[in-house]
Amino acid sequence: MYKEILETIAGVEAYPVISLLLFSAIFGTVLYWTLRVDRAQLARLAAQPLNADDALPPEAGRSDGGAR
C-alpha cells in the first residue's frame, strides 16, 4: 500500500538523499566543533547551570523581596 502511494509522488526519490546530506552536514559540523573547542570553554559551560544561583545575591531569588 505505501509503496504504491510513494510511487505516485513526483520526485520522492530525492528526499532520502536530501535527508542524508542534511544529517551528514550537521553531524560533521558538530564533530568538527567538538574536536576544535577549547577545553576551558567546555569547563565553563559545564559549570554554568551549577553557578547560576551563586551569581545572584541571596535576596534576589526570593519572592517576598528578601524580608524574613
N, C-alpha and C. Protein backbone atom coordinates (compact mmCIF):
# COMPACT_ATOMS: atom_id res chain seq x y z
N MET A 1 0.82 -1.18 0.00
CA MET A 1 0.00 0.00 0.00
C MET A 1 0.87 1.26 0.00
N TYR A 2 1.83 1.33 0.92
CA TYR A 2 2.68 2.51 0.99
C TYR A 2 3.55 2.66 -0.26
N LYS A 3 3.97 1.54 -0.80
CA LYS A 3 4.81 1.58 -2.00
C LYS A 3 4.07 2.24 -3.15
N GLU A 4 2.80 1.89 -3.32
CA GLU A 4 2.02 2.47 -4.40
C GLU A 4 1.79 3.97 -4.19
N ILE A 5 1.60 4.37 -2.94
CA ILE A 5 1.39 5.79 -2.64
C ILE A 5 2.67 6.57 -2.91
N LEU A 6 3.79 6.05 -2.47
CA LEU A 6 5.06 6.74 -2.66
C LEU A 6 5.46 6.81 -4.13
N GLU A 7 5.10 5.82 -4.90
CA GLU A 7 5.42 5.83 -6.32
C GLU A 7 4.66 6.91 -7.08
N THR A 8 3.53 7.36 -6.56
CA THR A 8 2.74 8.38 -7.24
C THR A 8 3.26 9.80 -6.97
N ILE A 9 4.13 9.96 -5.98
CA ILE A 9 4.66 11.29 -5.64
C ILE A 9 5.84 11.58 -6.56
N ALA A 10 5.77 12.70 -7.26
CA ALA A 10 6.85 13.06 -8.18
C ALA A 10 8.06 13.56 -7.39
N GLY A 11 9.24 13.04 -7.70
CA GLY A 11 10.47 13.47 -7.07
C GLY A 11 10.70 12.92 -5.67
N VAL A 12 9.98 11.88 -5.31
CA VAL A 12 10.10 11.35 -3.95
C VAL A 12 11.48 10.71 -3.71
N GLU A 13 12.17 10.32 -4.76
CA GLU A 13 13.47 9.68 -4.59
C GLU A 13 14.55 10.66 -4.11
N ALA A 14 14.28 11.95 -4.20
CA ALA A 14 15.25 12.95 -3.76
C ALA A 14 15.24 13.14 -2.25
N TYR A 15 14.15 12.85 -1.58
CA TYR A 15 14.04 13.08 -0.14
C TYR A 15 15.04 12.29 0.69
N PRO A 16 15.26 11.02 0.43
CA PRO A 16 16.29 10.31 1.21
C PRO A 16 17.69 10.88 1.00
N VAL A 17 17.99 11.31 -0.20
CA VAL A 17 19.31 11.89 -0.48
C VAL A 17 19.47 13.21 0.25
N ILE A 18 18.44 14.04 0.21
CA ILE A 18 18.49 15.32 0.90
C ILE A 18 18.63 15.12 2.40
N SER A 19 17.89 14.20 2.97
CA SER A 19 17.96 13.98 4.41
C SER A 19 19.32 13.41 4.81
N LEU A 20 19.91 12.56 3.99
CA LEU A 20 21.24 12.03 4.28
C LEU A 20 22.29 13.14 4.23
N LEU A 21 22.21 14.01 3.23
CA LEU A 21 23.14 15.13 3.13
C LEU A 21 22.98 16.10 4.30
N LEU A 22 21.75 16.38 4.68
CA LEU A 22 21.49 17.27 5.81
C LEU A 22 22.02 16.67 7.11
N PHE A 23 21.77 15.40 7.34
CA PHE A 23 22.28 14.73 8.54
C PHE A 23 23.80 14.75 8.54
N SER A 24 24.41 14.43 7.41
CA SER A 24 25.88 14.39 7.34
C SER A 24 26.49 15.77 7.59
N ALA A 25 25.86 16.81 7.07
CA ALA A 25 26.37 18.17 7.28
C ALA A 25 26.29 18.57 8.75
N ILE A 26 25.17 18.30 9.39
CA ILE A 26 25.01 18.64 10.80
C ILE A 26 25.95 17.81 11.66
N PHE A 27 26.04 16.52 11.39
CA PHE A 27 26.92 15.64 12.15
C PHE A 27 28.37 16.08 11.99
N GLY A 28 28.78 16.39 10.78
CA GLY A 28 30.15 16.84 10.54
C GLY A 28 30.45 18.15 11.24
N THR A 29 29.49 19.07 11.24
CA THR A 29 29.68 20.34 11.92
C THR A 29 29.83 20.16 13.43
N VAL A 30 29.00 19.35 14.01
CA VAL A 30 29.09 19.09 15.45
C VAL A 30 30.37 18.35 15.78
N LEU A 31 30.77 17.42 14.97
CA LEU A 31 32.02 16.70 15.20
C LEU A 31 33.22 17.64 15.10
N TYR A 32 33.23 18.50 14.11
CA TYR A 32 34.31 19.48 13.95
C TYR A 32 34.37 20.40 15.16
N TRP A 33 33.21 20.92 15.59
CA TRP A 33 33.17 21.82 16.75
C TRP A 33 33.66 21.09 18.00
N THR A 34 33.27 19.84 18.17
CA THR A 34 33.67 19.07 19.35
C THR A 34 35.18 18.87 19.39
N LEU A 35 35.78 18.63 18.25
CA LEU A 35 37.22 18.40 18.23
C LEU A 35 38.02 19.69 18.33
N ARG A 36 37.44 20.82 17.95
CA ARG A 36 38.17 22.09 17.93
C ARG A 36 37.88 23.00 19.12
N VAL A 37 36.91 22.68 19.97
CA VAL A 37 36.51 23.57 21.05
C VAL A 37 37.58 23.60 22.14
N ASP A 38 37.71 24.75 22.77
CA ASP A 38 38.67 24.93 23.85
C ASP A 38 38.17 24.21 25.10
N ARG A 39 39.03 23.48 25.76
CA ARG A 39 38.64 22.71 26.95
C ARG A 39 38.22 23.62 28.10
N ALA A 40 38.82 24.80 28.21
CA ALA A 40 38.43 25.74 29.26
C ALA A 40 37.00 26.23 29.02
N GLN A 41 36.64 26.44 27.76
CA GLN A 41 35.28 26.85 27.44
C GLN A 41 34.29 25.75 27.81
N LEU A 42 34.63 24.50 27.57
CA LEU A 42 33.76 23.39 27.95
C LEU A 42 33.58 23.34 29.46
N ALA A 43 34.64 23.58 30.21
CA ALA A 43 34.55 23.57 31.66
C ALA A 43 33.62 24.70 32.14
N ARG A 44 33.72 25.89 31.53
CA ARG A 44 32.82 26.98 31.90
C ARG A 44 31.37 26.64 31.57
N LEU A 45 31.14 26.05 30.39
CA LEU A 45 29.79 25.67 30.01
C LEU A 45 29.23 24.57 30.91
N ALA A 46 30.08 23.65 31.32
CA ALA A 46 29.63 22.56 32.18
C ALA A 46 29.26 23.06 33.56
N ALA A 47 29.96 24.07 34.05
CA ALA A 47 29.69 24.60 35.39
C ALA A 47 28.61 25.66 35.39
N GLN A 48 28.18 26.12 34.25
CA GLN A 48 27.23 27.22 34.17
C GLN A 48 25.91 26.93 34.90
N PRO A 49 25.25 25.81 34.71
CA PRO A 49 24.00 25.58 35.43
C PRO A 49 24.20 25.53 36.95
N LEU A 50 25.35 25.09 37.39
CA LEU A 50 25.61 24.99 38.82
C LEU A 50 25.91 26.35 39.43
N ASN A 51 26.46 27.26 38.65
CA ASN A 51 26.84 28.57 39.16
C ASN A 51 25.77 29.63 38.94
N ALA A 52 24.66 29.31 38.34
CA ALA A 52 23.65 30.31 38.01
C ALA A 52 23.09 30.99 39.26
N ASP A 53 22.79 30.24 40.30
CA ASP A 53 22.24 30.83 41.51
C ASP A 53 23.32 31.49 42.36
N ASP A 54 24.56 31.10 42.22
CA ASP A 54 25.63 31.69 43.01
C ASP A 54 25.90 33.14 42.60
N ALA A 55 25.55 33.51 41.38
CA ALA A 55 25.82 34.86 40.89
C ALA A 55 24.82 35.87 41.44
N LEU A 56 23.67 35.41 41.92
CA LEU A 56 22.63 36.30 42.43
C LEU A 56 22.83 36.53 43.93
N PRO A 57 22.50 37.72 44.42
CA PRO A 57 22.51 37.92 45.87
C PRO A 57 21.43 37.06 46.51
N PRO A 58 21.55 36.70 47.78
CA PRO A 58 20.55 35.81 48.40
C PRO A 58 19.14 36.38 48.36
N GLU A 59 18.98 37.71 48.40
CA GLU A 59 17.65 38.30 48.40
C GLU A 59 17.01 38.31 47.02
N ALA A 60 17.82 38.23 45.97
CA ALA A 60 17.29 38.36 44.60
C ALA A 60 16.40 37.20 44.22
N GLY A 61 16.62 36.04 44.75
CA GLY A 61 15.84 34.88 44.36
C GLY A 61 14.56 34.72 45.15
N ARG A 62 14.33 35.56 46.14
CA ARG A 62 13.15 35.41 46.99
C ARG A 62 11.99 36.22 46.44
N SER A 63 10.81 35.69 46.52
CA SER A 63 9.64 36.39 46.00
C SER A 63 9.10 37.44 46.97
N ASP A 64 9.50 37.38 48.25
CA ASP A 64 9.00 38.34 49.22
C ASP A 64 9.91 39.56 49.37
N GLY A 65 10.84 39.74 48.43
CA GLY A 65 11.70 40.90 48.46
C GLY A 65 12.85 40.79 49.43
N GLY A 66 13.06 39.64 50.00
CA GLY A 66 14.18 39.43 50.92
C GLY A 66 13.80 39.62 52.37
N ALA A 67 12.56 39.95 52.66
CA ALA A 67 12.14 40.12 54.05
C ALA A 67 12.07 38.77 54.73
N ARG A 68 12.50 38.74 55.96
CA ARG A 68 12.47 37.47 56.71
C ARG A 68 11.56 37.55 57.88
